Amino acid sequence: MNLTKAEEGKEYTIQRIDTQDEELDSFLFSLGCYSGEPITVISRRRGSCTVSVKDGRYSIDKQLAEAIVI
């Protein structure tokens, strides 16, 4: 299951990042999105969602959310 199907407010553990784009993979890693890291969807709005990772909150678009497998 990827992050687009996650329940708001529930903590999940990232299983893997599923992307073939090296730049996208690197960007997600810089946010703290990598295997074994906890992530929580805080809210969803118009094709994007706000997530909490490593004491930070980020707004990510649908493409990024689909790449994060939980």
N, C-alpha and C. Protein backbone atom coordinates (compact mmCIF):
# COMPACT_ATOMS: atom_id res chain seq x y z
N MET A 1 0.86 -1.18 0.00
CA MET A 1 0.00 0.00 0.00
C MET A 1 0.90 1.23 0.00
N ASN A 2 0.52 2.23 -0.76
CA ASN A 2 1.30 3.46 -0.75
C ASN A 2 0.62 4.53 0.11
N LEU A 3 1.27 5.65 0.23
CA LEU A 3 0.82 6.70 1.15
C LEU A 3 -0.52 7.33 0.75
N THR A 4 -0.90 7.22 -0.51
CA THR A 4 -2.18 7.82 -0.93
C THR A 4 -3.38 7.11 -0.30
N LYS A 5 -3.19 5.88 0.16
CA LYS A 5 -4.28 5.11 0.76
C LYS A 5 -4.21 5.09 2.29
N ALA A 6 -3.28 5.80 2.87
CA ALA A 6 -3.09 5.81 4.32
C ALA A 6 -4.18 6.62 5.02
N GLU A 7 -4.53 6.21 6.22
CA GLU A 7 -5.50 6.93 7.04
C GLU A 7 -4.83 8.15 7.66
N GLU A 8 -5.57 9.23 7.74
CA GLU A 8 -5.05 10.44 8.39
C GLU A 8 -4.90 10.19 9.89
N GLY A 9 -3.79 10.66 10.45
CA GLY A 9 -3.56 10.57 11.88
C GLY A 9 -2.96 9.26 12.35
N LYS A 10 -2.84 8.27 11.49
CA LYS A 10 -2.28 6.98 11.88
C LYS A 10 -0.81 6.90 11.46
N GLU A 11 0.04 6.41 12.37
CA GLU A 11 1.47 6.30 12.07
C GLU A 11 1.75 5.00 11.33
N TYR A 12 2.53 5.08 10.28
CA TYR A 12 2.95 3.94 9.47
C TYR A 12 4.46 3.90 9.43
N THR A 13 5.01 2.77 9.04
CA THR A 13 6.45 2.63 8.84
C THR A 13 6.70 2.51 7.35
N ILE A 14 7.64 3.28 6.85
CA ILE A 14 7.98 3.23 5.42
C ILE A 14 8.67 1.89 5.14
N GLN A 15 8.13 1.13 4.20
CA GLN A 15 8.71 -0.15 3.80
C GLN A 15 9.79 0.04 2.73
N ARG A 16 9.48 0.91 1.77
CA ARG A 16 10.45 1.20 0.70
C ARG A 16 9.99 2.42 -0.08
N ILE A 17 10.89 2.96 -0.87
CA ILE A 17 10.58 4.05 -1.79
C ILE A 17 10.59 3.42 -3.18
N ASP A 18 9.45 3.48 -3.86
CA ASP A 18 9.26 2.80 -5.13
C ASP A 18 9.27 3.82 -6.27
N THR A 19 10.47 4.15 -6.72
CA THR A 19 10.61 5.10 -7.82
C THR A 19 11.82 4.74 -8.67
N GLN A 20 11.77 5.05 -9.93
CA GLN A 20 12.89 4.82 -10.84
C GLN A 20 13.66 6.12 -11.10
N ASP A 21 13.20 7.21 -10.49
CA ASP A 21 13.80 8.53 -10.68
C ASP A 21 14.81 8.81 -9.56
N GLU A 22 16.07 8.87 -9.91
CA GLU A 22 17.15 9.09 -8.94
C GLU A 22 16.99 10.41 -8.19
N GLU A 23 16.57 11.45 -8.90
CA GLU A 23 16.39 12.77 -8.28
C GLU A 23 15.24 12.74 -7.25
N LEU A 24 14.16 12.10 -7.60
CA LEU A 24 13.01 11.97 -6.70
C LEU A 24 13.40 11.15 -5.47
N ASP A 25 14.12 10.08 -5.68
CA ASP A 25 14.60 9.23 -4.59
C ASP A 25 15.50 10.03 -3.63
N SER A 26 16.37 10.82 -4.19
CA SER A 26 17.28 11.64 -3.40
C SER A 26 16.52 12.71 -2.61
N PHE A 27 15.51 13.31 -3.23
CA PHE A 27 14.71 14.33 -2.55
C PHE A 27 13.97 13.74 -1.36
N LEU A 28 13.34 12.59 -1.55
CA LEU A 28 12.62 11.94 -0.45
C LEU A 28 13.58 11.56 0.68
N PHE A 29 14.76 11.10 0.33
CA PHE A 29 15.76 10.76 1.35
C PHE A 29 16.15 12.00 2.15
N SER A 30 16.27 13.14 1.49
CA SER A 30 16.63 14.38 2.19
C SER A 30 15.55 14.84 3.17
N LEU A 31 14.29 14.43 2.92
CA LEU A 31 13.20 14.73 3.85
C LEU A 31 13.15 13.75 5.03
N GLY A 32 13.89 12.67 4.92
CA GLY A 32 13.87 11.65 5.96
C GLY A 32 12.98 10.47 5.61
N CYS A 33 12.57 10.38 4.36
CA CYS A 33 11.71 9.29 3.91
C CYS A 33 12.56 8.15 3.37
N TYR A 34 12.80 7.15 4.22
CA TYR A 34 13.52 5.97 3.81
C TYR A 34 13.04 4.78 4.64
N SER A 35 13.40 3.59 4.23
CA SER A 35 12.92 2.36 4.87
C SER A 35 13.12 2.36 6.38
N GLY A 36 12.07 1.94 7.09
CA GLY A 36 12.13 1.84 8.54
C GLY A 36 11.75 3.09 9.29
N GLU A 37 11.55 4.18 8.59
CA GLU A 37 11.23 5.47 9.23
C GLU A 37 9.71 5.61 9.41
N PRO A 38 9.26 6.07 10.59
CA PRO A 38 7.82 6.29 10.77
C PRO A 38 7.34 7.53 10.02
N ILE A 39 6.11 7.46 9.51
CA ILE A 39 5.51 8.58 8.78
C ILE A 39 4.02 8.63 9.11
N THR A 40 3.48 9.85 9.21
CA THR A 40 2.07 10.03 9.51
C THR A 40 1.47 11.02 8.52
N VAL A 41 0.31 10.67 7.94
CA VAL A 41 -0.42 11.61 7.08
C VAL A 41 -1.25 12.49 8.01
N ILE A 42 -1.00 13.78 7.97
CA ILE A 42 -1.72 14.72 8.83
C ILE A 42 -3.01 15.18 8.18
N SER A 43 -2.95 15.52 6.89
CA SER A 43 -4.15 15.95 6.18
C SER A 43 -3.97 15.78 4.68
N ARG A 44 -5.10 15.85 3.95
CA ARG A 44 -5.09 15.77 2.48
C ARG A 44 -5.86 16.96 1.93
N ARG A 45 -5.33 17.51 0.84
CA ARG A 45 -6.01 18.62 0.16
C ARG A 45 -5.66 18.62 -1.33
N ARG A 46 -6.67 18.65 -2.16
CA ARG A 46 -6.51 18.83 -3.61
C ARG A 46 -5.31 18.12 -4.22
N GLY A 47 -5.22 16.83 -4.07
CA GLY A 47 -4.14 16.08 -4.71
C GLY A 47 -2.81 16.10 -4.00
N SER A 48 -2.73 16.72 -2.85
CA SER A 48 -1.50 16.69 -2.08
C SER A 48 -1.82 16.28 -0.65
N CYS A 49 -0.80 15.96 0.10
CA CYS A 49 -1.04 15.64 1.50
C CYS A 49 0.09 16.19 2.36
N THR A 50 -0.22 16.46 3.59
CA THR A 50 0.76 16.93 4.56
C THR A 50 1.14 15.73 5.42
N VAL A 51 2.46 15.50 5.52
CA VAL A 51 2.95 14.36 6.29
C VAL A 51 3.92 14.83 7.36
N SER A 52 4.04 14.02 8.38
CA SER A 52 4.99 14.26 9.46
C SER A 52 6.05 13.18 9.41
N VAL A 53 7.31 13.61 9.25
CA VAL A 53 8.45 12.70 9.21
C VAL A 53 9.58 13.34 9.99
N LYS A 54 10.14 12.62 10.93
CA LYS A 54 11.32 13.10 11.68
C LYS A 54 11.14 14.50 12.23
N ASP A 55 10.13 14.76 12.99
CA ASP A 55 9.88 16.06 13.62
C ASP A 55 9.64 17.19 12.63
N GLY A 56 9.39 16.89 11.37
CA GLY A 56 9.10 17.92 10.38
C GLY A 56 7.79 17.63 9.69
N ARG A 57 7.16 18.68 9.19
CA ARG A 57 5.92 18.54 8.42
C ARG A 57 6.18 19.02 7.01
N TYR A 58 5.72 18.21 6.04
CA TYR A 58 5.96 18.53 4.64
C TYR A 58 4.68 18.32 3.85
N SER A 59 4.48 19.16 2.86
CA SER A 59 3.38 18.98 1.93
C SER A 59 3.97 18.32 0.68
N ILE A 60 3.43 17.15 0.35
CA ILE A 60 3.94 16.42 -0.82
C ILE A 60 2.81 16.20 -1.81
N ASP A 61 3.17 16.14 -3.09
CA ASP A 61 2.15 15.94 -4.12
C ASP A 61 1.84 14.45 -4.29
N LYS A 62 0.88 14.16 -5.13
CA LYS A 62 0.41 12.79 -5.33
C LYS A 62 1.52 11.87 -5.84
N GLN A 63 2.38 12.38 -6.73
CA GLN A 63 3.47 11.58 -7.29
C GLN A 63 4.41 11.11 -6.18
N LEU A 64 4.77 12.00 -5.26
CA LEU A 64 5.64 11.63 -4.15
C LEU A 64 4.94 10.65 -3.21
N ALA A 65 3.66 10.89 -2.92
CA ALA A 65 2.90 10.02 -2.03
C ALA A 65 2.78 8.61 -2.60
N GLU A 66 2.65 8.50 -3.91
CA GLU A 66 2.55 7.19 -4.54
C GLU A 66 3.87 6.43 -4.49
N ALA A 67 4.98 7.13 -4.40
CA ALA A 67 6.30 6.49 -4.35
C ALA A 67 6.65 5.94 -2.98
N ILE A 68 5.95 6.39 -1.94
CA ILE A 68 6.24 5.95 -0.57
C ILE A 68 5.36 4.75 -0.23
N VAL A 69 5.96 3.59 -0.11
CA VAL A 69 5.24 2.35 0.19
C VAL A 69 5.30 2.10 1.69
N ILE A 70 4.11 1.92 2.28
CA ILE A 70 4.02 1.71 3.74
C ILE A 70 3.51 0.31 4.05
